[in-house]
């Protein structure tokens, strides 16, 4: 989590045109590349080589170099799912749907590392005055950059969200996911969305819903803010 957080801050803060980097800067701090090998440790998802790449990017005093520089540049930081570990405050407004009544969704999620690239979490929340508990299991395939999140919702349904995690040179990561179709109150429900991780301290989940094979429409945005984060 710490490595990803620091690297994200660096990449956001240091986002500058490639032309701003002089040859002297690049020669003083050589291009950062992922080293060969795959050394795994029990308390991490990423390999030691991937974590060292993040550390090396974090240590740079120059802006990162993109591939547009003669087709060769710094390797991008991989997504580290340890970013998710900890306690998060959640809030957002959910519209009416066959899944549940509309209302203000507020609560906390606590994410724990189980081992390897497997994580679990518990959401304790309420929609207006109605309590909601969600038990989730998350499995990340770091080679395919593919994240599966399985949610068992106390309101009586299970969501299986699947999709790739992608990043950009600004240090942002997005989980573009789609949920397996479910039936609720006689209606066929499909969900898709984007978990948009733009900060070490907060991220947003934007969701769209389709009912009975109708068009996908906005299903609200919910914010996660890390507990104890500076305002």
C-alpha atoms as a PDB file:
ATOM      1  CA  UNK A   1       0.000   0.000   0.000  1.00  0.00           C
ATOM      2  CA  UNK A   2       2.733   2.491   1.009  1.00  0.00           C
ATOM      3  CA  UNK A   3       4.758   1.899  -2.120  1.00  0.00           C
ATOM      4  CA  UNK A   4       1.773   2.390  -4.430  1.00  0.00           C
ATOM      5  CA  UNK A   5       0.662   5.469  -2.504  1.00  0.00           C
ATOM      6  CA  UNK A   6       4.034   7.190  -2.680  1.00  0.00           C
ATOM      7  CA  UNK A   7       4.484   6.365  -6.328  1.00  0.00           C
ATOM      8  CA  UNK A   8       1.024   7.653  -7.189  1.00  0.00           C
ATOM      9  CA  UNK A   9       1.737  10.978  -5.483  1.00  0.00           C
ATOM     10  CA  UNK A  10       5.054  11.236  -7.321  1.00  0.00           C
ATOM     11  CA  UNK A  11       3.574  10.540 -10.720  1.00  0.00           C
ATOM     12  CA  UNK A  12       0.739  13.006 -10.258  1.00  0.00           C
ATOM     13  CA  UNK A  13       3.001  15.742  -8.930  1.00  0.00           C
ATOM     14  CA  UNK A  14       5.706  15.150 -11.539  1.00  0.00           C
ATOM     15  CA  UNK A  15       3.495  14.941 -14.613  1.00  0.00           C
ATOM     16  CA  UNK A  16       5.417  17.210 -16.991  1.00  0.00           C
ATOM     17  CA  UNK A  17       6.065  17.264 -20.729  1.00  0.00           C
ATOM     18  CA  UNK A  18       8.856  14.989 -21.895  1.00  0.00           C
ATOM     19  CA  UNK A  19      10.566  18.030 -23.345  1.00  0.00           C
ATOM     20  CA  UNK A  20      11.140  19.362 -19.820  1.00  0.00           C
ATOM     21  CA  UNK A  21      13.573  16.548 -19.107  1.00  0.00           C
ATOM     22  CA  UNK A  22      17.116  17.319 -20.165  1.00  0.00           C
ATOM     23  CA  UNK A  23      19.648  14.746 -21.304  1.00  0.00           C
ATOM     24  CA  UNK A  24      21.658  15.560 -18.200  1.00  0.00           C
ATOM     25  CA  UNK A  25      18.694  14.728 -15.965  1.00  0.00           C
ATOM     26  CA  UNK A  26      18.169  11.406 -17.676  1.00  0.00           C
ATOM     27  CA  UNK A  27      21.867  10.549 -17.636  1.00  0.00           C
ATOM     28  CA  UNK A  28      22.061  11.385 -13.931  1.00  0.00           C
ATOM     29  CA  UNK A  29      19.108   9.103 -13.210  1.00  0.00           C
ATOM     30  CA  UNK A  30      18.962   6.271 -15.745  1.00  0.00           C
ATOM     31  CA  UNK A  31      15.726   4.978 -17.220  1.00  0.00           C
ATOM     32  CA  UNK A  32      13.876   2.783 -14.700  1.00  0.00           C
ATOM     33  CA  UNK A  33      12.983  -0.680 -15.993  1.00  0.00           C
ATOM     34  CA  UNK A  34      11.375  -3.755 -14.450  1.00  0.00           C
ATOM     35  CA  UNK A  35      14.167  -6.209 -13.658  1.00  0.00           C
ATOM     36  CA  UNK A  36      13.896  -9.870 -14.726  1.00  0.00           C
ATOM     37  CA  UNK A  37      12.734 -12.445 -12.198  1.00  0.00           C
ATOM     38  CA  UNK A  38       9.662 -13.151 -10.128  1.00  0.00           C
ATOM     39  CA  UNK A  39      10.475 -13.409  -6.451  1.00  0.00           C
ATOM     40  CA  UNK A  40       7.281 -13.724  -4.405  1.00  0.00           C
ATOM     41  CA  UNK A  41       6.806 -13.077  -0.689  1.00  0.00           C
ATOM     42  CA  UNK A  42       3.884 -14.277   1.475  1.00  0.00           C
ATOM     43  CA  UNK A  43       2.877 -10.798   2.667  1.00  0.00           C
ATOM     44  CA  UNK A  44       2.635  -9.205  -0.775  1.00  0.00           C
ATOM     45  CA  UNK A  45       0.746  -9.692  -4.013  1.00  0.00           C
ATOM     46  CA  UNK A  46       3.327  -8.161  -6.336  1.00  0.00           C
ATOM     47  CA  UNK A  47       6.729  -9.706  -6.943  1.00  0.00           C
ATOM     48  CA  UNK A  48       9.837  -8.269  -5.304  1.00  0.00           C
ATOM     49  CA  UNK A  49      10.926  -7.006  -8.720  1.00  0.00           C
ATOM     50  CA  UNK A  50       7.645  -5.146  -9.216  1.00  0.00           C
ATOM     51  CA  UNK A  51       7.904  -3.587  -5.756  1.00  0.00           C
ATOM     52  CA  UNK A  52      11.492  -2.526  -6.482  1.00  0.00           C
ATOM     53  CA  UNK A  53      10.281  -0.886  -9.699  1.00  0.00           C
ATOM     54  CA  UNK A  54       7.750   1.140  -7.695  1.00  0.00           C
ATOM     55  CA  UNK A  55      10.461   2.100  -5.182  1.00  0.00           C
ATOM     56  CA  UNK A  56      12.811   3.172  -7.981  1.00  0.00           C
ATOM     57  CA  UNK A  57      10.129   5.313  -9.603  1.00  0.00           C
ATOM     58  CA  UNK A  58       9.372   6.833  -6.213  1.00  0.00           C
ATOM     59  CA  UNK A  59      13.034   7.737  -5.738  1.00  0.00           C
ATOM     60  CA  UNK A  60      13.321   9.656  -9.013  1.00  0.00           C
ATOM     61  CA  UNK A  61      14.030  13.387  -8.735  1.00  0.00           C
ATOM     62  CA  UNK A  62      13.162  13.982 -12.388  1.00  0.00           C
ATOM     63  CA  UNK A  63       9.830  13.591 -14.183  1.00  0.00           C
ATOM     64  CA  UNK A  64       9.240  10.102 -15.525  1.00  0.00           C
ATOM     65  CA  UNK A  65      10.145   9.493 -19.172  1.00  0.00           C
ATOM     66  CA  UNK A  66       7.443   8.212 -21.535  1.00  0.00           C
ATOM     67  CA  UNK A  67       7.907   5.753 -24.369  1.00  0.00           C
ATOM     68  CA  UNK A  68       7.712   8.640 -26.845  1.00  0.00           C
ATOM     69  CA  UNK A  69      11.410   9.289 -26.112  1.00  0.00           C
ATOM     70  CA  UNK A  70      12.921   7.215 -28.923  1.00  0.00           C
ATOM     71  CA  UNK A  71      10.494   4.427 -28.084  1.00  0.00           C
ATOM     72  CA  UNK A  72      12.166   3.866 -24.724  1.00  0.00           C
ATOM     73  CA  UNK A  73      11.155   5.181 -21.325  1.00  0.00           C
ATOM     74  CA  UNK A  74      10.565   4.335 -17.693  1.00  0.00           C
ATOM     75  CA  UNK A  75       8.374   1.287 -17.132  1.00  0.00           C
ATOM     76  CA  UNK A  76       5.007   2.290 -15.621  1.00  0.00           C
ATOM     77  CA  UNK A  77       4.194   1.406 -12.032  1.00  0.00           C
ATOM     78  CA  UNK A  78       2.032  -1.706 -11.697  1.00  0.00           C
ATOM     79  CA  UNK A  79      -1.178  -1.593  -9.705  1.00  0.00           C
ATOM     80  CA  UNK A  80      -0.616  -2.842  -6.157  1.00  0.00           C
ATOM     81  CA  UNK A  81      -3.872  -4.149  -4.625  1.00  0.00           C
ATOM     82  CA  UNK A  82      -2.406  -3.483  -1.172  1.00  0.00           C
ATOM     83  CA  UNK A  83      -3.670   0.030  -1.934  1.00  0.00           C
ATOM     84  CA  UNK A  84      -7.083  -1.240  -0.841  1.00  0.00           C
ATOM     85  CA  UNK A  85      -6.007  -2.541   2.580  1.00  0.00           C
ATOM     86  CA  UNK A  86      -7.329  -0.520   5.522  1.00  0.00           C
ATOM     87  CA  UNK A  87     -10.532   1.160   6.601  1.00  0.00           C
ATOM     88  CA  UNK A  88     -12.494   3.417   4.279  1.00  0.00           C
ATOM     89  CA  UNK A  89     -15.447   5.735   4.869  1.00  0.00           C
ATOM     90  CA  UNK A  90     -18.132   5.367   2.176  1.00  0.00           C
ATOM     91  CA  UNK A  91     -20.881   7.726   1.110  1.00  0.00           C
ATOM     92  CA  UNK A  92     -23.076   8.364  -1.887  1.00  0.00           C
ATOM     93  CA  UNK A  93     -26.665   8.532  -3.108  1.00  0.00           C
ATOM     94  CA  UNK A  94     -28.192   5.455  -4.766  1.00  0.00           C
ATOM     95  CA  UNK A  95     -31.280   5.700  -7.022  1.00  0.00           C
ATOM     96  CA  UNK A  96     -34.338   3.459  -6.861  1.00  0.00           C
ATOM     97  CA  UNK A  97     -33.878   0.074  -8.535  1.00  0.00           C
ATOM     98  CA  UNK A  98     -35.020  -3.554  -8.263  1.00  0.00           C
ATOM     99  CA  UNK A  99     -31.907  -4.121  -6.140  1.00  0.00           C
ATOM    100  CA  UNK A 100     -32.981  -1.825  -3.305  1.00  0.00           C
ATOM    101  CA  UNK A 101     -34.862   1.386  -2.493  1.00  0.00           C
ATOM    102  CA  UNK A 102     -33.176   4.715  -3.123  1.00  0.00           C
ATOM    103  CA  UNK A 103     -31.368   6.520  -0.352  1.00  0.00           C
ATOM    104  CA  UNK A 104     -28.155   7.914   1.074  1.00  0.00           C
ATOM    105  CA  UNK A 105     -25.582   5.118   1.349  1.00  0.00           C
ATOM    106  CA  UNK A 106     -23.073   5.648   4.167  1.00  0.00           C
ATOM    107  CA  UNK A 107     -20.760   3.402   6.174  1.00  0.00           C
ATOM    108  CA  UNK A 108     -17.281   1.874   6.336  1.00  0.00           C
ATOM    109  CA  UNK A 109     -15.379  -0.855   4.537  1.00  0.00           C
ATOM    110  CA  UNK A 110     -12.469  -2.675   6.160  1.00  0.00           C
ATOM    111  CA  UNK A 111     -10.182  -4.515   3.730  1.00  0.00           C
ATOM    112  CA  UNK A 112      -7.803  -7.263   4.894  1.00  0.00           C
ATOM    113  CA  UNK A 113      -5.018  -9.137   3.083  1.00  0.00           C
ATOM    114  CA  UNK A 114      -5.637 -12.883   3.186  1.00  0.00           C
ATOM    115  CA  UNK A 115      -2.505 -14.003   1.350  1.00  0.00           C
ATOM    116  CA  UNK A 116      -0.919 -13.769  -2.073  1.00  0.00           C
ATOM    117  CA  UNK A 117      -3.255 -11.694  -4.241  1.00  0.00           C
ATOM    118  CA  UNK A 118      -6.415 -12.484  -2.248  1.00  0.00           C
ATOM    119  CA  UNK A 119      -8.212  -9.934  -0.085  1.00  0.00           C
ATOM    120  CA  UNK A 120     -11.457  -9.841   1.850  1.00  0.00           C
ATOM    121  CA  UNK A 121     -13.537  -7.021   3.266  1.00  0.00           C
ATOM    122  CA  UNK A 122     -16.600  -6.188   5.312  1.00  0.00           C
ATOM    123  CA  UNK A 123     -18.870  -3.250   4.565  1.00  0.00           C
ATOM    124  CA  UNK A 124     -21.015  -2.036   7.472  1.00  0.00           C
ATOM    125  CA  UNK A 125     -23.361   0.627   6.176  1.00  0.00           C
ATOM    126  CA  UNK A 126     -26.905   1.921   6.001  1.00  0.00           C
ATOM    127  CA  UNK A 127     -29.192   3.194   3.276  1.00  0.00           C
ATOM    128  CA  UNK A 128     -31.020   5.921   5.131  1.00  0.00           C
ATOM    129  CA  UNK A 129     -31.992   4.034   8.324  1.00  0.00           C
ATOM    130  CA  UNK A 130     -31.837   0.483   6.923  1.00  0.00           C
ATOM    131  CA  UNK A 131     -28.637  -1.419   7.869  1.00  0.00           C
ATOM    132  CA  UNK A 132     -26.610  -3.127   5.122  1.00  0.00           C
ATOM    133  CA  UNK A 133     -23.723  -5.581   5.454  1.00  0.00           C
ATOM    134  CA  UNK A 134     -21.621  -6.658   2.476  1.00  0.00           C
ATOM    135  CA  UNK A 135     -18.988  -9.387   2.718  1.00  0.00           C
ATOM    136  CA  UNK A 136     -16.569  -9.215  -0.215  1.00  0.00           C
ATOM    137  CA  UNK A 137     -13.784 -11.391  -1.582  1.00  0.00           C
ATOM    138  CA  UNK A 138     -11.253  -9.893  -4.019  1.00  0.00           C
ATOM    139  CA  UNK A 139      -8.796 -11.856  -6.140  1.00  0.00           C
ATOM    140  CA  UNK A 140      -6.247 -10.093  -8.347  1.00  0.00           C
ATOM    141  CA  UNK A 141      -4.379 -11.715 -11.226  1.00  0.00           C
ATOM    142  CA  UNK A 142      -1.288  -9.532 -11.378  1.00  0.00           C
ATOM    143  CA  UNK A 143      -0.064 -11.001 -14.687  1.00  0.00           C
ATOM    144  CA  UNK A 144      -3.364 -10.408 -16.498  1.00  0.00           C
ATOM    145  CA  UNK A 145      -4.094  -7.294 -14.382  1.00  0.00           C
ATOM    146  CA  UNK A 146      -7.549  -8.694 -13.792  1.00  0.00           C
ATOM    147  CA  UNK A 147      -9.561  -8.152 -10.612  1.00  0.00           C
ATOM    148  CA  UNK A 148     -12.562 -10.186  -9.437  1.00  0.00           C
ATOM    149  CA  UNK A 149     -14.712  -8.858  -6.583  1.00  0.00           C
ATOM    150  CA  UNK A 150     -17.487 -11.067  -5.170  1.00  0.00           C
ATOM    151  CA  UNK A 151     -20.003  -9.268  -2.930  1.00  0.00           C
ATOM    152  CA  UNK A 152     -22.553 -11.026  -0.722  1.00  0.00           C
ATOM    153  CA  UNK A 153     -25.108  -8.362   0.164  1.00  0.00           C
ATOM    154  CA  UNK A 154     -27.373  -8.684   3.216  1.00  0.00           C
ATOM    155  CA  UNK A 155     -30.227  -7.324   1.096  1.00  0.00           C
ATOM    156  CA  UNK A 156     -30.380 -10.749  -0.516  1.00  0.00           C
ATOM    157  CA  UNK A 157     -28.186 -10.817  -3.605  1.00  0.00           C
ATOM    158  CA  UNK A 158     -24.653 -11.575  -4.748  1.00  0.00           C
ATOM    159  CA  UNK A 159     -22.666  -9.485  -7.241  1.00  0.00           C
ATOM    160  CA  UNK A 160     -19.639 -10.866  -9.096  1.00  0.00           C
ATOM    161  CA  UNK A 161     -17.688  -7.963 -10.610  1.00  0.00           C
ATOM    162  CA  UNK A 162     -14.946  -8.798 -13.109  1.00  0.00           C
ATOM    163  CA  UNK A 163     -12.594  -6.697 -15.200  1.00  0.00           C
ATOM    164  CA  UNK A 164      -9.108  -5.460 -15.950  1.00  0.00           C
ATOM    165  CA  UNK A 165      -7.217  -2.814 -13.999  1.00  0.00           C
ATOM    166  CA  UNK A 166      -5.459  -0.246 -16.150  1.00  0.00           C
ATOM    167  CA  UNK A 167      -3.240   2.721 -15.372  1.00  0.00           C
ATOM    168  CA  UNK A 168      -2.017   5.854 -17.101  1.00  0.00           C
ATOM    169  CA  UNK A 169       1.162   7.980 -16.949  1.00  0.00           C
ATOM    170  CA  UNK A 170      -0.516  10.313 -14.444  1.00  0.00           C
ATOM    171  CA  UNK A 171      -0.526   7.551 -11.835  1.00  0.00           C
ATOM    172  CA  UNK A 172      -4.279   6.912 -11.985  1.00  0.00           C
ATOM    173  CA  UNK A 173      -5.682   3.383 -11.939  1.00  0.00           C
ATOM    174  CA  UNK A 174      -9.136   2.214 -13.022  1.00  0.00           C
ATOM    175  CA  UNK A 175     -10.927  -1.090 -12.537  1.00  0.00           C
ATOM    176  CA  UNK A 176     -13.343  -1.349 -15.465  1.00  0.00           C
ATOM    177  CA  UNK A 177     -15.740  -4.072 -14.365  1.00  0.00           C
ATOM    178  CA  UNK A 178     -18.970  -5.753 -15.354  1.00  0.00           C
ATOM    179  CA  UNK A 179     -21.117  -7.864 -13.032  1.00  0.00           C
ATOM    180  CA  UNK A 180     -22.614 -11.218 -13.946  1.00  0.00           C
ATOM    181  CA  UNK A 181     -26.373 -10.797 -14.642  1.00  0.00           C
ATOM    182  CA  UNK A 182     -28.733 -11.463 -11.746  1.00  0.00           C
ATOM    183  CA  UNK A 183     -32.514 -11.598 -11.301  1.00  0.00           C
ATOM    184  CA  UNK A 184     -34.113  -9.496  -8.582  1.00  0.00           C
ATOM    185  CA  UNK A 185     -37.851  -9.054  -7.944  1.00  0.00           C
ATOM    186  CA  UNK A 186     -38.572 -10.648 -11.321  1.00  0.00           C
ATOM    187  CA  UNK A 187     -36.330  -8.213 -13.210  1.00  0.00           C
ATOM    188  CA  UNK A 188     -33.091  -9.019 -15.000  1.00  0.00           C
ATOM    189  CA  UNK A 189     -30.291  -6.786 -13.689  1.00  0.00           C
ATOM    190  CA  UNK A 190     -26.926  -6.019 -15.260  1.00  0.00           C
ATOM    191  CA  UNK A 191     -24.347  -3.692 -13.745  1.00  0.00           C
ATOM    192  CA  UNK A 192     -21.135  -2.268 -15.079  1.00  0.00           C
ATOM    193  CA  UNK A 193     -18.879   0.416 -13.727  1.00  0.00           C
ATOM    194  CA  UNK A 194     -15.520   1.959 -13.100  1.00  0.00           C
ATOM    195  CA  UNK A 195     -13.613   2.057  -9.833  1.00  0.00           C
ATOM    196  CA  UNK A 196     -11.532   5.194 -10.363  1.00  0.00           C
ATOM    197  CA  UNK A 197      -8.468   5.429  -8.092  1.00  0.00           C
ATOM    198  CA  UNK A 198      -7.111   8.952  -8.445  1.00  0.00           C
ATOM    199  CA  UNK A 199      -5.654   9.502  -4.985  1.00  0.00           C
ATOM    200  CA  UNK A 200      -3.899   7.580  -2.199  1.00  0.00           C
ATOM    201  CA  UNK A 201      -6.685   8.735   0.104  1.00  0.00           C
ATOM    202  CA  UNK A 202      -9.883   8.436  -1.930  1.00  0.00           C
ATOM    203  CA  UNK A 203     -11.463   6.705  -4.882  1.00  0.00           C
ATOM    204  CA  UNK A 204     -14.817   6.711  -6.626  1.00  0.00           C
ATOM    205  CA  UNK A 205     -17.070   3.920  -7.915  1.00  0.00           C
ATOM    206  CA  UNK A 206     -19.276   4.979 -10.825  1.00  0.00           C
ATOM    207  CA  UNK A 207     -21.983   2.461 -11.724  1.00  0.00           C
ATOM    208  CA  UNK A 208     -24.467   2.021 -14.573  1.00  0.00           C
ATOM    209  CA  UNK A 209     -27.471  -0.327 -14.552  1.00  0.00           C
ATOM    210  CA  UNK A 210     -29.551  -2.101 -17.178  1.00  0.00           C
ATOM    211  CA  UNK A 211     -32.968  -3.561 -16.313  1.00  0.00           C
ATOM    212  CA  UNK A 212     -34.563  -6.272 -18.475  1.00  0.00           C
ATOM    213  CA  UNK A 213     -32.001  -5.763 -21.255  1.00  0.00           C
ATOM    214  CA  UNK A 214     -32.766  -2.059 -21.456  1.00  0.00           C
ATOM    215  CA  UNK A 215     -30.087   0.588 -22.009  1.00  0.00           C
ATOM    216  CA  UNK A 216     -27.488   1.203 -19.328  1.00  0.00           C
ATOM    217  CA  UNK A 217     -28.238   4.319 -17.288  1.00  0.00           C
ATOM    218  CA  UNK A 218     -26.501   6.096 -14.450  1.00  0.00           C
ATOM    219  CA  UNK A 219     -26.751   4.245 -11.129  1.00  0.00           C
ATOM    220  CA  UNK A 220     -24.957   6.801  -8.995  1.00  0.00           C
ATOM    221  CA  UNK A 221     -21.436   7.443  -7.752  1.00  0.00           C
ATOM    222  CA  UNK A 222     -20.130   6.445  -4.348  1.00  0.00           C
ATOM    223  CA  UNK A 223     -16.932   7.770  -2.749  1.00  0.00           C
ATOM    224  CA  UNK A 224     -14.453   5.841  -0.599  1.00  0.00           C
ATOM    225  CA  UNK A 225     -12.222   7.993   1.662  1.00  0.00           C
ATOM    226  CA  UNK A 226      -9.407   6.453   3.669  1.00  0.00           C
ATOM    227  CA  UNK A 227      -9.957   6.665   7.422  1.00  0.00           C
ATOM    228  CA  UNK A 228      -7.520   9.053   9.045  1.00  0.00           C
ATOM    229  CA  UNK A 229      -6.645  10.821   5.787  1.00  0.00           C
ATOM    230  CA  UNK A 230      -5.744  14.482   6.032  1.00  0.00           C
ATOM    231  CA  UNK A 231      -8.585  16.770   4.869  1.00  0.00           C
END
